[in-house]
Amino acid sequence: MLPTLEPQDFDLTIEQEFKLVLYSQQVKEIPPEKLRASLLEIVRQLMITKNILEALVRKGGE
């Protein structure tokens, strides 16, 4: 059985919020072409992460 998640489980930590501010400042200096390539790579990695998590949940339920 999977644990129940609470709404606060989806909040960013203080450290993550700080890193997000730093990233937002750095992004302003990146050329648009590089940003598009980076965005596509991030989306690809998020899809892989989703696949891994779903596989772990499936295998955990066996």
N, C-alpha and C. Protein backbone atom coordinates (compact mmCIF):
# COMPACT_ATOMS: atom_id res chain seq x y z
N MET A 1 0.83 -1.18 0.00
CA MET A 1 0.00 0.00 0.00
C MET A 1 0.88 1.25 0.00
N LEU A 2 0.52 2.22 -0.84
CA LEU A 2 1.30 3.45 -0.94
C LEU A 2 0.92 4.44 0.15
N PRO A 3 1.90 5.20 0.65
CA PRO A 3 1.58 6.19 1.68
C PRO A 3 0.74 7.33 1.09
N THR A 4 -0.04 7.98 1.94
CA THR A 4 -0.84 9.12 1.51
C THR A 4 0.02 10.36 1.51
N LEU A 5 -0.04 11.11 0.42
CA LEU A 5 0.71 12.35 0.32
C LEU A 5 -0.16 13.52 0.75
N GLU A 6 0.44 14.46 1.43
CA GLU A 6 -0.25 15.67 1.88
C GLU A 6 0.09 16.81 0.92
N PRO A 7 -0.76 17.86 0.84
CA PRO A 7 -0.48 18.98 -0.07
C PRO A 7 0.90 19.61 0.15
N GLN A 8 1.34 19.70 1.41
CA GLN A 8 2.64 20.31 1.69
C GLN A 8 3.81 19.45 1.18
N ASP A 9 3.55 18.19 0.87
CA ASP A 9 4.59 17.33 0.32
C ASP A 9 5.03 17.80 -1.06
N PHE A 10 4.22 18.65 -1.70
CA PHE A 10 4.52 19.13 -3.04
C PHE A 10 5.17 20.51 -3.03
N ASP A 11 5.38 21.07 -1.85
CA ASP A 11 6.01 22.39 -1.72
C ASP A 11 7.53 22.26 -1.88
N LEU A 12 8.14 23.35 -2.35
CA LEU A 12 9.59 23.39 -2.44
C LEU A 12 10.18 23.70 -1.07
N THR A 13 11.37 23.16 -0.83
CA THR A 13 12.08 23.50 0.40
C THR A 13 12.67 24.90 0.23
N ILE A 14 13.13 25.48 1.32
CA ILE A 14 13.78 26.80 1.26
C ILE A 14 15.00 26.74 0.34
N GLU A 15 15.76 25.67 0.44
CA GLU A 15 16.94 25.51 -0.41
C GLU A 15 16.55 25.46 -1.89
N GLN A 16 15.46 24.74 -2.20
CA GLN A 16 15.01 24.64 -3.58
C GLN A 16 14.51 25.99 -4.09
N GLU A 17 13.82 26.74 -3.25
CA GLU A 17 13.36 28.07 -3.64
C GLU A 17 14.55 28.98 -3.93
N PHE A 18 15.59 28.89 -3.10
CA PHE A 18 16.80 29.69 -3.31
C PHE A 18 17.46 29.31 -4.64
N LYS A 19 17.60 28.02 -4.91
CA LYS A 19 18.20 27.58 -6.16
C LYS A 19 17.38 28.05 -7.36
N LEU A 20 16.06 28.06 -7.22
CA LEU A 20 15.20 28.51 -8.30
C LEU A 20 15.45 29.99 -8.62
N VAL A 21 15.64 30.80 -7.60
CA VAL A 21 15.95 32.21 -7.80
C VAL A 21 17.30 32.34 -8.53
N LEU A 22 18.28 31.56 -8.11
CA LEU A 22 19.58 31.60 -8.77
C LEU A 22 19.48 31.18 -10.24
N TYR A 23 18.73 30.12 -10.50
CA TYR A 23 18.54 29.66 -11.88
C TYR A 23 17.83 30.72 -12.71
N SER A 24 16.84 31.38 -12.14
CA SER A 24 16.10 32.39 -12.90
C SER A 24 17.01 33.56 -13.28
N GLN A 25 17.97 33.88 -12.43
CA GLN A 25 18.94 34.93 -12.75
C GLN A 25 19.90 34.48 -13.84
N GLN A 26 20.34 33.22 -13.78
CA GLN A 26 21.27 32.70 -14.77
C GLN A 26 20.63 32.54 -16.14
N VAL A 27 19.36 32.20 -16.18
CA VAL A 27 18.67 31.96 -17.44
C VAL A 27 18.62 33.23 -18.30
N LYS A 28 18.57 34.36 -17.67
CA LYS A 28 18.51 35.63 -18.40
C LYS A 28 19.71 35.83 -19.32
N GLU A 29 20.81 35.16 -19.03
CA GLU A 29 22.05 35.34 -19.78
C GLU A 29 22.24 34.29 -20.88
N ILE A 30 21.34 33.32 -20.99
CA ILE A 30 21.49 32.23 -21.95
C ILE A 30 20.78 32.58 -23.25
N PRO A 31 21.44 32.34 -24.40
CA PRO A 31 20.79 32.61 -25.69
C PRO A 31 19.55 31.74 -25.88
N PRO A 32 18.51 32.25 -26.58
CA PRO A 32 17.26 31.51 -26.76
C PRO A 32 17.43 30.11 -27.37
N GLU A 33 18.35 29.95 -28.31
CA GLU A 33 18.55 28.63 -28.93
C GLU A 33 19.00 27.61 -27.89
N LYS A 34 19.91 28.04 -27.03
CA LYS A 34 20.41 27.13 -25.99
C LYS A 34 19.32 26.84 -24.96
N LEU A 35 18.48 27.81 -24.66
CA LEU A 35 17.38 27.60 -23.73
C LEU A 35 16.41 26.56 -24.27
N ARG A 36 16.09 26.63 -25.57
CA ARG A 36 15.17 25.65 -26.17
C ARG A 36 15.75 24.24 -26.07
N ALA A 37 17.04 24.11 -26.38
CA ALA A 37 17.69 22.79 -26.31
C ALA A 37 17.69 22.28 -24.87
N SER A 38 17.96 23.17 -23.93
CA SER A 38 17.98 22.78 -22.52
C SER A 38 16.59 22.37 -22.05
N LEU A 39 15.58 23.11 -22.48
CA LEU A 39 14.20 22.78 -22.10
C LEU A 39 13.81 21.40 -22.61
N LEU A 40 14.15 21.10 -23.84
CA LEU A 40 13.84 19.78 -24.39
C LEU A 40 14.56 18.67 -23.62
N GLU A 41 15.79 18.91 -23.24
CA GLU A 41 16.54 17.92 -22.46
C GLU A 41 15.92 17.73 -21.08
N ILE A 42 15.46 18.81 -20.46
CA ILE A 42 14.81 18.72 -19.16
C ILE A 42 13.52 17.91 -19.27
N VAL A 43 12.73 18.18 -20.31
CA VAL A 43 11.48 17.44 -20.50
C VAL A 43 11.78 15.96 -20.71
N ARG A 44 12.81 15.65 -21.50
CA ARG A 44 13.20 14.25 -21.73
C ARG A 44 13.57 13.57 -20.41
N GLN A 45 14.36 14.26 -19.58
CA GLN A 45 14.77 13.68 -18.30
C GLN A 45 13.59 13.52 -17.35
N LEU A 46 12.63 14.45 -17.37
CA LEU A 46 11.43 14.30 -16.54
C LEU A 46 10.61 13.09 -16.98
N MET A 47 10.55 12.86 -18.29
CA MET A 47 9.82 11.68 -18.79
C MET A 47 10.49 10.39 -18.32
N ILE A 48 11.81 10.37 -18.38
CA ILE A 48 12.56 9.19 -17.92
C ILE A 48 12.32 8.99 -16.42
N THR A 49 12.36 10.07 -15.65
CA THR A 49 12.11 9.99 -14.21
C THR A 49 10.72 9.42 -13.93
N LYS A 50 9.73 9.90 -14.68
CA LYS A 50 8.36 9.39 -14.53
C LYS A 50 8.30 7.90 -14.81
N ASN A 51 8.97 7.46 -15.88
CA ASN A 51 8.98 6.03 -16.22
C ASN A 51 9.62 5.20 -15.11
N ILE A 52 10.72 5.71 -14.56
CA ILE A 52 11.41 4.99 -13.48
C ILE A 52 10.51 4.89 -12.25
N LEU A 53 9.88 6.02 -11.87
CA LEU A 53 9.00 6.02 -10.70
C LEU A 53 7.82 5.07 -10.89
N GLU A 54 7.22 5.08 -12.08
CA GLU A 54 6.10 4.18 -12.34
C GLU A 54 6.55 2.72 -12.28
N ALA A 55 7.75 2.43 -12.79
CA ALA A 55 8.26 1.06 -12.73
C ALA A 55 8.51 0.64 -11.29
N LEU A 56 9.04 1.55 -10.48
CA LEU A 56 9.29 1.24 -9.06
C LEU A 56 7.98 0.98 -8.33
N VAL A 57 6.95 1.78 -8.62
CA VAL A 57 5.66 1.58 -7.98
C VAL A 57 5.07 0.23 -8.40
N ARG A 58 5.16 -0.09 -9.70
CA ARG A 58 4.64 -1.38 -10.17
C ARG A 58 5.36 -2.53 -9.50
N LYS A 59 6.69 -2.45 -9.46
CA LYS A 59 7.48 -3.54 -8.88
C LYS A 59 7.27 -3.63 -7.36
N GLY A 60 7.00 -2.49 -6.73
CA GLY A 60 6.74 -2.49 -5.29
C GLY A 60 5.39 -3.11 -4.95
N GLY A 61 4.48 -3.08 -5.91
CA GLY A 61 3.15 -3.65 -5.67
C GLY A 61 3.06 -5.14 -5.99
N GLU A 62 4.15 -5.71 -6.47
CA GLU A 62 4.12 -7.15 -6.82
C GLU A 62 4.28 -8.03 -5.61
